[in-house]
Protein backbone atom coordinates (compact mmCIF):
# COMPACT_ATOMS: atom_id res chain seq x y z
CA MET A 1 51.66 18.19 136.07
CA VAL A 2 54.05 20.65 133.65
CA GLY A 3 51.40 20.29 130.95
CA SER A 4 48.39 20.98 133.17
CA LEU A 5 50.18 23.66 135.10
CA SER A 6 51.00 25.70 131.49
CA LEU A 7 47.48 25.05 130.33
CA THR A 8 45.99 26.22 133.63
CA LEU A 9 48.45 29.42 132.94
CA ILE A 10 47.51 29.78 129.65
CA GLN A 11 43.93 29.85 130.60
CA LEU A 12 44.28 32.19 133.07
CA LYS A 13 45.94 34.44 131.39
CA LYS A 14 43.32 34.25 128.51
CA LYS A 15 40.52 35.28 131.01
CA THR A 16 42.95 38.29 132.30
CA LYS A 17 43.33 39.69 128.91
CA ALA A 18 39.17 39.24 128.66
CA THR A 19 38.42 40.41 132.21
CA ILE A 20 40.69 43.90 131.39
CA MET A 21 39.07 44.38 128.21
CA ALA A 22 35.81 43.91 130.07
CA CYS A 23 36.60 46.63 132.93
CA LYS A 24 38.01 49.00 130.33
CA LYS A 25 34.61 49.08 128.57
CA GLN A 26 33.07 49.18 132.15
CA ALA A 27 35.03 52.41 133.30
CA LEU A 28 34.60 53.76 129.51
CA LEU A 29 30.84 53.92 130.06
CA ILE A 30 31.14 55.37 133.24
CA LEU A 31 33.13 57.83 131.91
CA PHE A 32 30.71 58.22 128.94
CA LEU A 33 27.93 58.66 131.27
CA SER A 34 29.67 61.26 132.98
CA LEU A 35 30.60 63.23 130.42
CA PHE A 36 27.18 63.25 129.18
CA THR A 37 25.69 64.19 132.73
CA PHE A 38 28.18 67.42 131.76
CA SER A 39 27.07 68.21 128.40
CA THR A 40 23.28 68.00 129.44
CA SER A 41 24.12 70.43 132.37
CA HIS A 42 21.13 71.99 131.82
CA PRO A 43 18.36 71.83 132.81
CA ASP A 44 18.73 68.22 134.55
CA ASN A 45 22.25 68.78 136.53
CA GLY A 46 22.77 72.80 136.80
CA GLY A 47 25.96 74.52 135.98
CA ILE A 48 27.28 77.74 135.87
CA ALA A 49 26.29 80.70 133.97
CA VAL A 50 28.61 83.74 133.14
CA TYR A 51 27.57 87.31 131.67
CA TRP A 52 29.88 88.25 128.65
CA GLY A 53 30.21 91.56 126.96
CA GLN A 54 31.68 93.69 129.41
CA ASP A 55 35.04 94.18 129.29
CA SER A 56 37.36 94.00 125.88
CA ARG A 57 39.84 92.29 127.75
CA GLU A 58 37.67 88.99 128.67
CA GLY A 59 38.34 87.55 124.94
CA ASP A 60 36.20 86.75 122.51
CA LEU A 61 32.47 84.49 122.69
CA LYS A 62 34.02 81.34 121.07
CA SER A 63 36.75 81.27 124.07
CA THR A 64 34.37 81.80 126.44
CA CYS A 65 32.54 78.97 125.08
CA ASP A 66 35.53 76.46 124.44
CA SER A 67 36.48 76.93 127.83
CA GLY A 68 34.25 74.05 129.07
CA LYS A 69 33.03 76.27 132.08
CA TYR A 70 29.96 77.47 131.40
CA ALA A 71 26.39 76.10 130.75
CA ILE A 72 25.13 79.70 129.83
CA VAL A 73 26.72 82.49 128.16
CA VAL A 74 24.81 86.13 128.81
CA LEU A 75 25.56 88.44 126.27
CA GLY A 76 25.35 92.09 128.21
CA PHE A 77 23.65 94.14 127.29
CA LEU A 78 20.94 95.88 125.10
CA SER A 79 21.36 99.29 126.94
CA LYS A 80 19.25 101.53 124.92
CA PHE A 81 15.58 100.73 123.96
CA GLY A 82 11.82 101.39 124.63
CA ALA A 83 10.00 105.22 124.41
CA GLY A 84 10.98 105.67 120.64
CA ARG A 85 14.44 105.34 121.34
CA THR A 86 16.73 103.75 118.57
CA PRO A 87 17.48 99.98 120.20
CA VAL A 88 21.55 100.32 121.09
CA LEU A 89 23.88 97.23 122.14
CA ASN A 90 26.48 97.84 124.41
CA PHE A 91 29.27 95.29 124.32
CA ALA A 92 32.53 97.44 126.20
CA GLY A 93 34.37 97.04 123.17
CA HIS A 94 33.59 94.12 121.34
CA CYS A 95 32.69 94.59 117.93
CA GLY A 96 32.82 98.55 117.48
CA ASN A 97 31.25 98.87 121.26
CA GLY A 98 27.92 97.02 119.58
CA SER A 99 27.28 98.73 116.43
CA TRP A 100 25.63 96.83 113.99
CA LYS A 101 27.81 96.44 111.26
CA LYS A 102 30.46 95.16 113.46
CA CYS A 103 28.26 92.90 116.04
CA THR A 104 26.99 90.88 113.12
CA GLU A 105 30.19 89.06 113.16
CA LEU A 106 29.21 87.55 116.21
CA GLU A 107 26.67 85.16 114.24
CA PHE A 108 29.69 82.87 113.80
CA GLN A 109 30.31 82.65 117.30
CA ILE A 110 26.79 82.40 118.63
CA LYS A 111 26.07 79.30 116.73
CA HIS A 112 29.29 77.65 117.57
CA CYS A 113 28.29 77.92 121.43
CA GLN A 114 24.85 76.68 120.28
CA ALA A 115 26.43 73.88 118.33
CA LYS A 116 28.26 72.83 121.58
CA GLY A 117 25.19 72.66 123.97
CA ILE A 118 25.32 75.85 125.47
CA ARG A 119 22.85 78.36 125.54
CA VAL A 120 23.18 82.40 124.77
CA LEU A 121 20.86 84.58 125.79
CA LEU A 122 20.68 88.52 125.54
CA SER A 123 20.70 90.67 128.67
CA ILE A 124 17.97 93.77 128.50
CA GLY A 125 18.77 96.93 130.55
CA GLY A 126 21.98 96.75 132.98
CA ALA A 127 23.05 100.05 134.77
CA SER A 128 22.37 102.41 131.36
CA SER A 129 19.97 105.34 132.25
CA GLU A 130 18.47 105.03 128.93
CA TYR A 131 15.97 102.21 128.56
CA SER A 132 12.16 102.40 129.82
CA LEU A 133 8.63 101.23 128.95
CA ILE A 134 6.01 104.30 128.57
CA SER A 135 3.03 102.11 127.92
CA ALA A 136 1.82 98.45 127.58
CA ALA A 137 1.75 99.21 124.01
CA ASP A 138 5.39 100.34 123.94
CA ALA A 139 6.27 97.15 125.92
CA LYS A 140 4.60 94.79 123.09
CA THR A 141 6.91 97.16 120.40
CA VAL A 142 9.99 95.93 122.10
CA ALA A 143 8.89 92.34 122.31
CA ASN A 144 8.43 92.33 118.92
CA TYR A 145 11.88 94.11 118.19
CA LEU A 146 13.66 91.66 120.46
CA PHE A 147 11.58 88.58 118.42
CA SER A 148 12.23 90.23 115.30
CA ASN A 149 15.54 90.43 115.65
CA PHE A 150 17.38 87.96 117.81
CA LEU A 151 15.05 85.21 118.12
CA SER A 152 13.59 84.45 114.94
CA GLY A 153 16.67 83.56 112.72
CA GLN A 154 16.02 86.57 111.08
CA TYR A 155 18.87 88.77 109.91
CA GLY A 156 19.87 91.80 112.77
CA PRO A 157 22.47 93.56 115.06
CA LEU A 158 23.82 89.91 115.75
CA GLY A 159 23.30 88.41 112.31
CA ALA A 160 21.20 85.42 111.49
CA VAL A 161 20.85 83.77 114.79
CA THR A 162 17.98 82.37 117.19
CA LEU A 163 18.89 83.50 120.22
CA ASP A 164 18.10 80.77 123.08
CA GLY A 165 16.67 83.59 125.14
CA ILE A 166 15.68 87.11 126.74
CA ASP A 167 17.48 87.99 130.42
CA PHE A 168 16.11 91.06 132.21
CA SER A 169 18.49 92.88 133.50
CA ILE A 170 16.12 95.64 135.24
CA GLU A 171 17.37 98.20 137.47
CA ASN A 172 14.32 100.12 137.97
CA SER A 173 10.88 99.44 138.82
CA GLU A 174 9.09 101.37 136.41
CA ASN A 175 5.78 99.47 134.78
CA HIS A 176 5.25 97.68 131.83
CA TRP A 177 7.93 94.86 132.43
CA ASP A 178 4.89 92.54 132.87
CA VAL A 179 3.43 93.01 129.65
CA LEU A 180 6.94 93.21 127.87
CA ALA A 181 7.79 89.37 129.73
CA ALA A 182 3.65 88.29 128.43
CA GLU A 183 4.22 89.50 125.33
CA LEU A 184 7.19 87.55 124.68
CA ASP A 185 5.68 84.67 126.41
CA SER A 186 3.10 84.99 123.76
CA LEU A 187 5.38 85.04 121.04
CA ARG A 188 7.40 81.93 121.96
CA ARG A 189 4.09 80.13 121.95
CA SER A 190 2.32 81.40 119.13
CA ARG A 191 5.32 81.88 116.56
CA GLY A 192 8.16 80.13 117.90
CA PRO A 193 10.66 78.87 118.01
CA TYR A 194 10.64 78.78 121.87
CA PHE A 195 12.90 80.61 124.03
CA PHE A 196 13.95 80.84 127.35
CA LEU A 197 13.53 83.93 129.73
CA SER A 198 16.00 84.58 132.59
CA GLY A 199 15.42 87.35 135.09
CA ALA A 200 18.22 89.31 137.40
CA VAL A 201 16.79 90.02 140.79
CA HIS A 202 18.83 91.95 143.54
CA CYS A 203 18.74 89.45 146.74
CA SER A 204 17.26 92.40 148.96
CA SER A 205 14.29 93.54 146.99
CA PRO A 206 10.75 92.52 144.83
CA ALA A 207 11.55 91.51 141.03
CA PRO A 208 10.28 94.41 139.22
CA PHE A 209 8.34 92.03 137.05
CA PRO A 210 6.19 88.91 137.70
CA THR A 211 8.39 86.03 138.01
CA ASP A 212 5.42 83.28 136.67
CA LEU A 213 6.84 83.15 133.31
CA PHE A 214 10.60 82.78 133.94
CA GLU A 215 12.79 79.84 133.16
CA TYR A 216 15.57 81.05 135.28
CA ILE A 217 15.79 83.59 138.19
CA PHE A 218 19.51 84.96 138.97
CA VAL A 219 19.28 85.77 142.48
CA LYS A 220 22.23 88.61 142.64
CA PHE A 221 24.19 88.34 145.90
CA PHE A 222 26.78 91.28 145.71
CA ASN A 223 26.37 95.12 145.94
CA ASN A 224 23.76 94.25 148.68
CA PRO A 225 24.93 94.36 151.85
CA THR A 226 22.02 93.53 153.24
CA CYS A 227 21.77 89.84 151.94
CA ALA A 228 25.54 89.66 150.68
CA TYR A 229 27.85 87.10 152.17
CA SER A 230 30.48 89.42 154.08
CA ASN A 231 34.11 88.61 155.32
CA ALA A 232 35.03 92.18 156.14
CA ASN A 233 35.63 90.73 159.78
CA ALA A 234 36.79 87.71 161.47
CA ASN A 235 33.39 86.81 161.97
CA ALA A 236 32.64 86.29 158.41
CA ASN A 237 28.81 85.76 157.95
CA ALA A 238 26.65 83.33 155.81
CA THR A 239 23.53 84.09 157.56
CA PRO A 240 21.81 86.98 155.49
CA LEU A 241 22.59 85.26 152.55
CA LEU A 242 21.08 81.40 153.47
CA ASN A 243 18.13 83.52 154.70
CA SER A 244 17.66 85.35 151.73
CA TRP A 245 18.09 82.31 149.44
CA ASP A 246 15.64 80.69 151.73
CA TYR A 247 13.12 83.45 151.10
CA TRP A 248 13.68 83.33 147.20
CA VAL A 249 13.11 79.43 147.11
CA ASN A 250 10.08 80.11 149.08
CA SER A 251 8.75 82.88 147.20
CA VAL A 252 9.11 81.83 143.26
CA LEU A 253 7.00 78.94 142.08
CA SER A 254 7.86 75.76 141.27
CA ASN A 255 9.09 76.08 137.46
CA ASN A 256 11.63 79.06 138.38
CA SER A 257 14.95 77.93 138.03
CA LEU A 258 17.30 79.42 140.76
CA PHE A 259 20.98 80.58 140.40
CA LEU A 260 23.01 81.73 143.07
CA GLY A 261 24.72 85.44 141.74
CA LEU A 262 27.82 86.05 142.81
CA PRO A 263 31.14 88.13 141.94
CA ALA A 264 33.79 86.20 140.80
CA THR A 265 36.41 88.28 142.10
CA SER A 266 36.53 90.51 145.69
CA SER A 267 38.33 93.42 143.33
CA ALA A 268 35.29 94.63 141.50
CA VAL A 269 31.99 94.15 143.77
CA THR A 270 31.08 93.41 146.99
CA GLY A 271 29.94 90.22 148.28
CA TYR A 272 32.65 87.71 147.24
CA ILE A 273 32.74 84.55 148.61
CA PRO A 274 36.16 82.82 148.56
CA SER A 275 35.87 79.43 147.10
CA HIS A 276 36.93 77.01 149.89
CA VAL A 277 33.87 78.96 151.79
CA LEU A 278 31.28 78.35 148.69
CA LYS A 279 31.75 75.13 148.29
CA HIS A 280 31.90 74.03 152.08
CA ASP A 281 29.43 76.56 153.83
CA ILE A 282 27.08 77.77 151.30
CA LEU A 283 26.38 75.35 148.34
CA PRO A 284 25.88 72.42 151.04
CA HIS A 285 22.54 74.97 152.14
CA VAL A 286 22.01 76.18 148.40
CA LYS A 287 21.48 72.71 146.80
CA LYS A 288 19.14 71.72 148.85
CA ALA A 289 16.66 73.73 147.32
CA SER A 290 14.44 71.35 144.82
CA ASN A 291 14.40 74.34 142.11
CA TYR A 292 18.68 75.15 142.30
CA GLU A 293 20.09 75.09 138.92
CA GLY A 294 23.38 76.68 139.40
CA VAL A 295 25.47 79.75 140.08
CA VAL A 296 25.85 82.74 138.05
CA LEU A 297 28.97 84.84 137.70
CA TRP A 298 29.51 88.28 137.16
CA ASP A 299 31.71 88.43 135.07
CA ARG A 300 33.57 86.52 132.14
CA HIS A 301 36.62 88.85 132.61
CA THR A 302 36.98 88.93 136.59
CA ASP A 303 36.09 84.48 136.18
CA ASN A 304 39.20 84.46 133.68
CA GLN A 305 41.72 86.62 135.83
CA ASN A 306 40.47 84.64 139.04
CA GLY A 307 39.99 81.08 137.47
CA TYR A 308 36.69 80.90 139.92
CA SER A 309 34.49 78.96 137.93
CA ALA A 310 37.22 75.98 137.59
CA SER A 311 37.72 75.79 140.91
CA ILE A 312 33.67 75.27 141.72
CA LEU A 313 32.38 73.86 139.00
CA PHE A 314 32.65 70.34 140.60
CA HIS A 315 30.61 71.17 143.30
CA VAL A 316 28.30 73.56 141.66
CA LEU A 317 26.78 70.71 139.62
CA LYS A 318 23.80 68.82 141.33
CA THR A 319 25.17 65.46 140.44
CA PRO A 320 29.06 65.65 140.18
CA LEU A 321 31.16 64.28 137.27
CA ILE A 322 32.94 61.30 137.61
CA SER A 323 36.64 61.81 137.55
CA VAL A 324 39.39 60.05 135.63
CA THR A 325 40.83 58.48 139.00
CA SER A 326 37.44 57.08 139.87
CA VAL A 327 37.50 55.58 136.14
CA SER A 328 40.74 53.91 136.91
CA ASP A 329 39.95 52.80 140.47
CA ALA A 330 36.71 51.01 138.73
CA ILE A 331 39.27 49.09 136.64
CA TYR A 332 41.35 48.20 139.10
CA GLN A 333 38.73 47.05 141.21
CA CYS A 334 37.13 45.11 138.46
CA VAL A 335 40.25 43.35 137.77
CA SER A 336 41.21 42.31 141.31
CA LYS A 337 37.72 40.70 141.83
CA VAL A 338 38.13 39.04 138.70
CA MET A 339 41.24 38.18 139.40
CA ASN A 340 40.61 37.03 142.89
CA ARG A 341 37.98 34.56 141.62
CA ALA A 342 40.10 32.75 139.41
CA TYR A 343 43.41 32.28 141.79
CA ALA A 344 40.89 30.68 143.92
CA ASP A 345 39.37 28.50 141.43
CA HIS A 346 42.50 27.24 140.47
């Protein structure tokens, strides 16, 4: 009897050890799959895009990408171009405020970000008044400049880089932006490598360019009082924002991936949405759109100060990541189930 009991205990111990190992493997597989989902967050699982380059206090590009918060980093801005102007980068204190000689130092950091699976785009335009296109021929000249200097791997203002795309942040409604987009589209299809086009648009007005050639549409819900969220009084109202979002969902093509454009803090611009409101009142509605892709934040500096992206990332993703707690729960449930069965058998 004693010998039989000892043998049973030994068998049970071996079975328990094997069960725990099997359950750990199962849990690690779950964790691996969740991390894979995160690392390929675009375009399958959405994510957060952020503008970088307009505040020297925001840290360098490498640390931005190493934060683990962003799927896309948008460099802002190429603020002077077109109409015969010599193109100028404005990175507000970074790399000599955009000087050619200094900004080639960004090459390593850009490639570092891309190696981590983060897409790096260059935004053209912004709040500057020093850009315009005076003709279709001018638009094609600018397109070829962008392709040769930032998208082809040739040595240019940012070193020998092949950026992942161009973002149109156009604050005027002049003509020929459609020609610029069409020429860039022609270049990526005929000469390669393929790159992305994104467009930043105001929630309150039509885009100053046709969106059919764009993969990403950043709809800016800030500094637009008619469609931005307002908590100016006790009756905070999200209805204008949600109505405007639905308008954009129904107005663009299915190949346009939409991002909800928000400020990362209330200190700089209007339209700030507290993170708890965004998570519980805004995102559940916004994420119903089949072409929802994520949230785009202005900007890295204020996000770094406020910790906004860290507080919303889990809710922004289309499929939330599996937490470490969930993994430990999986181990516990697996072991418990097998142990109960083993004791029942004996």
